[in-house]
């Protein structure tokens, strides 16, 4: 079943998001600088202590580094609301509550709402959620967390000098991060979200595909690690302009048929990393339109390009990924995942003007599961 959201719903979402004060990520020039700029103090035992919350800006993101249970030293951004809510419910909050529930009082000392865990895509890191999404949802009472994948400025690769990261490493880090959100896990991050916090997992682009590979792993009945699914209280899944289950292959062929010019922009922007240095390509691939149309100034663009440079120290190993797609668990005829009936509430969001993930890609992500599909008019990030 598919339910296509009306454009009025998009208007509500986008109307509210820009109202939140943007979170300015430091402007470092290297991976070492971002790691040294992390807002935390290292203790004698090597762990990191959280800085005190600013009572005047309760919903502002905080950036720290934590060693995950997988061994990765990861950059983590948190935006935890105060225990007492200060705003009244609105339409968007009511939609989230109806989808993912609101009965987590016993497991979470922060509030009764599930924790929103965000995962970024290529050329990005956790900062992309901290600009608007995390402060906005925290203002509604939702604890928000995000971590940066290996190869970004704040999360160095485990293998020194590596330029590619296998999808299995990203999945292992995601699993360790989600398990660490529980206060009683042996590798807890100590975020005081409760012993069994409900988690709504939200991913964009390659972050969405990483989530799908993680779901494939935890719902695999033949998986020898039975603790994976049991230690994460998954309340919902959201995939935003996600790379579809089969990967980029079919989309790449559609790009070529659609426009050789667009195909060249995608190749130059991502493979040759021209999006880091060429403003026109960067704007087309990630933001669309002009400064007047979408409010992204040239100054903003330069700032984002500096982040892209910082966060592409190592990128996903596409040759390795291709061997893992599509899922070996999927039905060969329908593409349906065998664990669909066991999934929590799930939504898939697409954008009609997204330069990378087209409507066919969104449909492919939607088809294997019983989900709510929303098609928005513009780019989401």
Protein backbone atom coordinates (compact mmCIF):
# COMPACT_ATOMS: atom_id res chain seq x y z
CA UNK A 1 0.00 0.00 0.00
CA UNK A 2 1.21 3.49 -0.84
CA UNK A 3 -0.13 6.74 0.50
CA UNK A 4 1.16 9.80 -1.33
CA UNK A 5 1.28 12.87 0.89
CA UNK A 6 -0.24 16.11 -0.31
CA UNK A 7 1.91 19.14 -0.99
CA UNK A 8 0.24 20.90 1.92
CA UNK A 9 2.02 18.53 4.30
CA UNK A 10 5.36 19.48 2.74
CA UNK A 11 4.48 23.12 3.19
CA UNK A 12 3.94 22.54 6.89
CA UNK A 13 7.29 20.75 7.25
CA UNK A 14 9.37 23.22 5.28
CA UNK A 15 7.61 26.19 6.81
CA UNK A 16 8.73 25.20 10.28
CA UNK A 17 12.24 23.92 9.59
CA UNK A 18 13.79 27.25 8.54
CA UNK A 19 12.50 28.91 11.70
CA UNK A 20 15.08 27.08 13.80
CA UNK A 21 18.37 28.89 14.34
CA UNK A 22 21.05 27.20 12.25
CA UNK A 23 23.82 25.35 14.06
CA UNK A 24 27.17 26.52 12.73
CA UNK A 25 29.63 23.66 12.48
CA UNK A 26 33.27 24.74 13.01
CA UNK A 27 35.10 25.65 9.82
CA UNK A 28 38.13 23.35 10.01
CA UNK A 29 40.45 22.62 7.11
CA UNK A 30 41.44 19.11 8.08
CA UNK A 31 40.28 15.99 9.90
CA UNK A 32 42.68 16.72 12.75
CA UNK A 33 41.14 20.15 13.27
CA UNK A 34 37.59 18.87 13.52
CA UNK A 35 38.63 16.21 15.99
CA UNK A 36 40.36 18.86 18.09
CA UNK A 37 37.31 21.12 17.86
CA UNK A 38 34.91 18.54 19.30
CA UNK A 39 33.02 20.01 22.25
CA UNK A 40 34.12 17.62 25.00
CA UNK A 41 36.86 17.10 27.53
CA UNK A 42 38.85 13.86 27.65
CA UNK A 43 39.01 12.11 30.99
CA UNK A 44 41.93 10.13 32.42
CA UNK A 45 40.39 6.83 31.36
CA UNK A 46 40.10 7.99 27.74
CA UNK A 47 36.34 8.56 27.81
CA UNK A 48 34.72 11.88 27.05
CA UNK A 49 32.65 13.99 29.42
CA UNK A 50 29.66 15.88 28.08
CA UNK A 51 29.79 19.65 28.47
CA UNK A 52 27.05 21.24 30.55
CA UNK A 53 23.85 22.08 28.73
CA UNK A 54 23.25 25.76 28.04
CA UNK A 55 20.06 26.60 29.87
CA UNK A 56 19.41 29.52 27.52
CA UNK A 57 19.69 27.32 24.44
CA UNK A 58 18.35 23.98 25.61
CA UNK A 59 17.78 22.58 22.14
CA UNK A 60 21.18 23.37 20.63
CA UNK A 61 23.24 20.42 19.34
CA UNK A 62 26.36 19.22 21.15
CA UNK A 63 29.22 17.51 19.29
CA UNK A 64 31.39 14.88 20.97
CA UNK A 65 33.48 11.82 20.16
CA UNK A 66 32.73 8.38 21.56
CA UNK A 67 34.35 5.01 21.06
CA UNK A 68 31.60 2.73 19.77
CA UNK A 69 31.31 -0.93 20.69
CA UNK A 70 32.64 -1.69 17.20
CA UNK A 71 35.91 0.02 18.11
CA UNK A 72 35.37 3.08 15.91
CA UNK A 73 36.02 6.49 17.46
CA UNK A 74 32.97 8.30 16.13
CA UNK A 75 31.78 11.87 16.04
CA UNK A 76 28.33 12.04 17.65
CA UNK A 77 25.95 14.99 17.75
CA UNK A 78 23.16 15.05 20.32
CA UNK A 79 20.27 17.40 20.81
CA UNK A 80 18.41 16.30 23.94
CA UNK A 81 15.38 18.33 25.02
CA UNK A 82 14.70 19.21 28.66
CA UNK A 83 12.57 16.79 30.64
CA UNK A 84 9.61 19.14 30.74
CA UNK A 85 8.12 20.07 27.43
CA UNK A 86 7.77 23.76 26.69
CA UNK A 87 5.81 23.75 23.44
CA UNK A 88 2.32 22.67 22.48
CA UNK A 89 1.71 19.84 20.00
CA UNK A 90 1.52 20.70 16.31
CA UNK A 91 0.53 18.84 13.18
CA UNK A 92 3.97 17.36 12.49
CA UNK A 93 4.33 16.12 16.06
CA UNK A 94 0.90 14.50 15.91
CA UNK A 95 1.92 12.66 12.73
CA UNK A 96 5.12 11.37 14.36
CA UNK A 97 3.20 10.33 17.48
CA UNK A 98 0.60 8.45 15.47
CA UNK A 99 3.28 6.65 13.44
CA UNK A 100 5.76 5.78 16.16
CA UNK A 101 3.84 5.92 19.41
CA UNK A 102 4.23 7.93 22.56
CA UNK A 103 4.34 5.42 25.41
CA UNK A 104 8.02 5.20 26.35
CA UNK A 105 7.69 6.62 29.86
CA UNK A 106 9.12 3.61 31.68
CA UNK A 107 12.21 3.24 29.53
CA UNK A 108 13.24 6.86 29.00
CA UNK A 109 13.94 9.32 31.79
CA UNK A 110 14.10 12.25 29.34
CA UNK A 111 10.49 12.22 28.12
CA UNK A 112 7.92 9.89 26.61
CA UNK A 113 8.88 10.38 22.99
CA UNK A 114 11.09 8.05 20.96
CA UNK A 115 14.66 9.01 20.18
CA UNK A 116 15.24 10.07 16.58
CA UNK A 117 18.54 8.65 15.28
CA UNK A 118 19.76 10.23 12.04
CA UNK A 119 22.23 8.82 9.51
CA UNK A 120 23.77 10.95 6.74
CA UNK A 121 24.68 10.17 3.14
CA UNK A 122 27.72 10.71 0.90
CA UNK A 123 29.82 13.90 1.18
CA UNK A 124 28.04 14.68 4.46
CA UNK A 125 28.42 13.93 8.16
CA UNK A 126 26.17 14.31 11.20
CA UNK A 127 26.36 18.12 10.91
CA UNK A 128 23.76 18.06 8.10
CA UNK A 129 21.07 17.06 10.60
CA UNK A 130 22.25 19.56 13.23
CA UNK A 131 21.60 22.59 11.06
CA UNK A 132 17.80 22.44 11.27
CA UNK A 133 16.32 18.97 11.79
CA UNK A 134 17.68 18.16 15.25
CA UNK A 135 16.92 21.50 16.94
CA UNK A 136 13.44 21.49 15.41
CA UNK A 137 12.45 18.01 16.56
CA UNK A 138 14.13 18.53 19.94
CA UNK A 139 11.92 21.58 20.39
CA UNK A 140 8.96 19.20 20.04
CA UNK A 141 10.37 16.97 22.78
CA UNK A 142 12.11 14.31 20.68
CA UNK A 143 15.67 13.40 21.78
CA UNK A 144 17.83 13.57 18.64
CA UNK A 145 21.14 11.83 17.97
CA UNK A 146 23.35 11.42 14.91
CA UNK A 147 26.77 9.96 14.26
CA UNK A 148 29.27 10.42 11.45
CA UNK A 149 30.32 7.40 9.41
CA UNK A 150 33.92 6.30 9.02
CA UNK A 151 35.89 8.39 6.56
CA UNK A 152 34.40 11.73 7.57
CA UNK A 153 36.36 14.46 9.32
CA UNK A 154 35.17 13.58 12.80
CA UNK A 155 35.24 9.78 12.45
CA UNK A 156 38.57 8.48 11.15
CA UNK A 157 38.76 5.16 9.34
CA UNK A 158 39.71 2.16 11.44
CA UNK A 159 42.38 1.16 8.92
CA UNK A 160 44.91 3.99 8.83
CA UNK A 161 45.27 5.52 5.39
CA UNK A 162 42.29 3.70 3.87
CA UNK A 163 40.40 5.60 1.16
CA UNK A 164 37.45 3.21 0.92
CA UNK A 165 35.13 1.80 3.60
CA UNK A 166 33.14 -1.40 3.13
CA UNK A 167 29.40 -1.37 3.79
CA UNK A 168 29.88 -4.07 6.46
CA UNK A 169 31.97 -1.61 8.50
CA UNK A 170 29.26 1.05 8.29
CA UNK A 171 26.61 -1.48 9.32
CA UNK A 172 28.71 -2.64 12.28
CA UNK A 173 29.19 0.97 13.42
CA UNK A 174 25.49 1.72 13.05
CA UNK A 175 24.62 -1.34 15.11
CA UNK A 176 27.11 -0.39 17.82
CA UNK A 177 25.85 3.20 17.87
CA UNK A 178 22.20 2.16 18.25
CA UNK A 179 23.01 -0.35 20.98
CA UNK A 180 25.06 2.32 22.75
CA UNK A 181 22.00 4.54 23.08
CA UNK A 182 20.74 2.23 25.82
CA UNK A 183 22.03 3.15 29.26
CA UNK A 184 22.41 -0.49 30.32
CA UNK A 185 24.43 -1.65 27.31
CA UNK A 186 28.01 -2.64 28.08
CA UNK A 187 29.19 -0.07 25.50
CA UNK A 188 26.64 2.59 26.46
CA UNK A 189 27.38 6.13 25.34
CA UNK A 190 25.88 7.41 28.60
CA UNK A 191 23.36 9.75 26.99
CA UNK A 192 20.73 9.04 29.68
CA UNK A 193 18.06 8.05 27.19
CA UNK A 194 16.91 5.11 29.31
CA UNK A 195 17.65 1.41 29.54
CA UNK A 196 15.54 0.49 26.51
CA UNK A 197 14.80 3.68 24.56
CA UNK A 198 12.51 3.51 21.59
CA UNK A 199 14.40 4.52 18.47
CA UNK A 200 13.15 5.86 15.15
CA UNK A 201 15.96 5.42 12.64
CA UNK A 202 16.08 7.98 9.80
CA UNK A 203 18.54 7.91 6.91
CA UNK A 204 19.23 10.02 3.82
CA UNK A 205 20.76 8.82 0.52
CA UNK A 206 23.50 6.23 1.23
CA UNK A 207 22.54 6.48 4.90
CA UNK A 208 19.19 4.98 3.93
CA UNK A 209 20.88 2.11 2.11
CA UNK A 210 23.09 1.49 5.15
CA UNK A 211 19.94 1.26 7.26
CA UNK A 212 18.46 -1.27 4.83
CA UNK A 213 21.58 -3.42 5.06
CA UNK A 214 21.40 -3.19 8.86
CA UNK A 215 17.74 -4.26 8.81
CA UNK A 216 18.68 -7.17 6.56
CA UNK A 217 21.24 -8.24 9.14
CA UNK A 218 19.14 -7.97 12.28
CA UNK A 219 16.12 -9.71 10.74
CA UNK A 220 18.17 -12.54 9.25
CA UNK A 221 17.06 -15.61 11.20
CA UNK A 222 20.31 -17.33 10.23
CA UNK A 223 22.41 -14.59 11.83
CA UNK A 224 24.48 -16.15 14.59
CA UNK A 225 24.54 -12.86 16.56
CA UNK A 226 21.12 -13.04 18.18
CA UNK A 227 21.81 -9.96 20.29
CA UNK A 228 21.56 -7.55 17.35
CA UNK A 229 17.78 -7.28 17.13
CA UNK A 230 17.14 -7.85 20.83
CA UNK A 231 19.25 -4.93 22.02
CA UNK A 232 17.71 -2.23 19.82
CA UNK A 233 14.13 -1.17 20.53
CA UNK A 234 13.29 -0.11 16.97
CA UNK A 235 10.07 1.90 16.90
CA UNK A 236 10.17 3.15 13.31
CA UNK A 237 12.21 3.64 10.14
CA UNK A 238 12.36 6.63 7.80
CA UNK A 239 14.16 6.63 4.44
CA UNK A 240 14.63 10.06 2.83
CA UNK A 241 15.63 10.12 -0.86
CA UNK A 242 17.39 6.87 -0.08
CA UNK A 243 19.58 4.96 -2.50
CA UNK A 244 17.22 2.09 -3.44
CA UNK A 245 17.76 -1.56 -2.42
CA UNK A 246 19.47 -2.43 -5.72
CA UNK A 247 21.94 0.44 -5.40
CA UNK A 248 22.84 3.08 -7.98
CA UNK A 249 23.15 0.79 -11.02
CA UNK A 250 19.66 1.12 -12.50
CA UNK A 251 19.50 4.82 -11.60
CA UNK A 252 22.81 5.43 -13.39
CA UNK A 253 21.39 4.00 -16.61
CA UNK A 254 18.33 6.21 -16.25
CA UNK A 255 20.58 9.24 -15.74
CA UNK A 256 22.34 8.49 -19.03
CA UNK A 257 19.07 8.04 -20.92
CA UNK A 258 17.59 11.15 -19.32
CA UNK A 259 20.44 13.53 -20.01
CA UNK A 260 24.10 13.02 -20.85
CA UNK A 261 24.72 16.46 -19.38
CA UNK A 262 23.18 15.48 -16.04
CA UNK A 263 25.02 12.15 -16.08
CA UNK A 264 28.29 14.04 -16.55
CA UNK A 265 27.46 16.37 -13.64
CA UNK A 266 26.83 13.40 -11.36
CA UNK A 267 30.03 11.66 -12.45
CA UNK A 268 32.12 14.82 -12.16
CA UNK A 269 30.50 15.86 -8.90
CA UNK A 270 30.83 12.57 -7.02
CA UNK A 271 33.49 10.43 -8.69
CA UNK A 272 35.83 13.32 -9.54
CA UNK A 273 34.69 15.25 -6.43
CA UNK A 274 34.03 18.41 -8.45
CA UNK A 275 31.14 19.19 -6.08
CA UNK A 276 33.82 20.26 -3.60
CA UNK A 277 35.34 22.89 -5.88
CA UNK A 278 32.76 23.74 -8.55
CA UNK A 279 29.94 25.90 -7.16
CA UNK A 280 27.59 25.32 -10.09
CA UNK A 281 27.87 21.53 -9.89
CA UNK A 282 27.56 21.60 -6.10
CA UNK A 283 24.42 23.72 -6.26
CA UNK A 284 22.83 21.50 -8.92
CA UNK A 285 23.59 18.20 -7.18
CA UNK A 286 22.73 19.14 -3.61
CA UNK A 287 20.53 22.23 -3.54
CA UNK A 288 19.08 23.03 -6.96
CA UNK A 289 17.88 26.36 -8.25
CA UNK A 290 19.57 29.65 -7.51
CA UNK A 291 20.37 31.62 -4.38
CA UNK A 292 17.14 33.60 -4.76
CA UNK A 293 15.06 30.44 -5.23
CA UNK A 294 16.27 28.35 -2.30
CA UNK A 295 18.05 30.77 0.03
CA UNK A 296 21.45 29.03 -0.21
CA UNK A 297 23.92 31.90 -0.61
CA UNK A 298 27.37 31.62 -2.17
CA UNK A 299 28.77 32.00 1.34
CA UNK A 300 26.66 29.02 2.50
CA UNK A 301 27.80 27.08 -0.54
CA UNK A 302 31.47 27.67 0.24
CA UNK A 303 30.90 26.58 3.83
CA UNK A 304 29.18 23.37 2.72
CA UNK A 305 31.92 22.67 0.19
CA UNK A 306 34.49 22.93 2.98
CA UNK A 307 32.52 20.32 4.91
CA UNK A 308 32.34 18.08 1.82
CA UNK A 309 36.13 18.29 1.51
CA UNK A 310 36.54 17.42 5.16
CA UNK A 311 34.02 14.56 5.03
CA UNK A 312 35.34 12.68 2.00
CA UNK A 313 38.62 11.49 3.49
CA UNK A 314 37.38 7.99 2.67
CA UNK A 315 34.23 7.06 0.78
CA UNK A 316 32.08 3.96 0.51
CA UNK A 317 33.63 1.07 -1.40
CA UNK A 318 31.23 0.82 -4.35
CA UNK A 319 32.82 -2.28 -5.86
CA UNK A 320 32.36 -4.11 -2.57
CA UNK A 321 28.82 -2.74 -2.20
CA UNK A 322 27.84 -3.96 -5.67
CA UNK A 323 28.55 -7.53 -4.57
CA UNK A 324 26.10 -7.14 -1.68
CA UNK A 325 23.18 -5.82 -3.77
CA UNK A 326 20.39 -6.53 -4.12
CA UNK A 327 19.75 -8.30 -0.85
CA UNK A 328 20.30 -12.03 -0.99
CA UNK A 329 17.28 -12.38 1.29
CA UNK A 330 14.87 -10.66 -1.12
CA UNK A 331 12.34 -12.63 -3.12
CA UNK A 332 13.79 -13.05 -6.63
CA UNK A 333 10.45 -12.40 -8.32
CA UNK A 334 8.94 -9.57 -6.30
CA UNK A 335 11.97 -8.04 -4.59
CA UNK A 336 10.04 -8.25 -1.33
CA UNK A 337 12.11 -8.63 1.82
CA UNK A 338 11.07 -11.68 3.88
CA UNK A 339 11.04 -9.66 7.11
CA UNK A 340 8.59 -6.98 5.88
CA UNK A 341 5.83 -8.14 8.20
CA UNK A 342 8.18 -7.76 11.18
CA UNK A 343 9.20 -4.17 10.41
CA UNK A 344 8.01 -1.32 12.66
CA UNK A 345 6.07 1.60 11.08
CA UNK A 346 8.07 2.79 8.07
CA UNK A 347 7.94 5.77 5.74
CA UNK A 348 9.77 6.53 2.50
CA UNK A 349 10.15 10.13 1.40
CA UNK A 350 11.12 11.25 -2.10
CA UNK A 351 11.54 14.65 -3.74
CA UNK A 352 10.38 15.27 -7.30
CA UNK A 353 13.28 17.65 -7.97
CA UNK A 354 16.01 15.58 -6.31
CA UNK A 355 18.93 15.42 -8.75
CA UNK A 356 20.14 11.97 -7.69
CA UNK A 357 17.31 9.73 -6.47
CA UNK A 358 14.52 9.75 -9.05
CA UNK A 359 10.89 8.71 -8.60
CA UNK A 360 11.64 5.19 -9.87
CA UNK A 361 14.27 4.85 -7.17
CA UNK A 362 11.77 5.96 -4.53
CA UNK A 363 9.22 3.47 -5.88
CA UNK A 364 11.80 0.67 -5.72
CA UNK A 365 12.47 1.46 -2.07
CA UNK A 366 8.75 1.52 -1.37
CA UNK A 367 7.70 -1.65 -3.17
CA UNK A 368 9.33 -4.31 -0.94
CA UNK A 369 7.61 -3.04 2.20
CA UNK A 370 4.28 -1.88 3.54
CA UNK A 371 5.14 1.78 3.97
CA UNK A 372 3.82 5.29 3.77
CA UNK A 373 5.31 7.06 0.74
CA UNK A 374 5.45 10.83 0.57
CA UNK A 375 6.59 12.67 -2.54
CA UNK A 376 7.75 16.22 -1.84
CA UNK A 377 8.19 18.95 -4.40
CA UNK A 378 11.78 19.96 -3.66
CA UNK A 379 15.04 18.60 -2.33
CA UNK A 380 14.95 17.57 1.33
CA UNK A 381 18.47 18.39 2.51
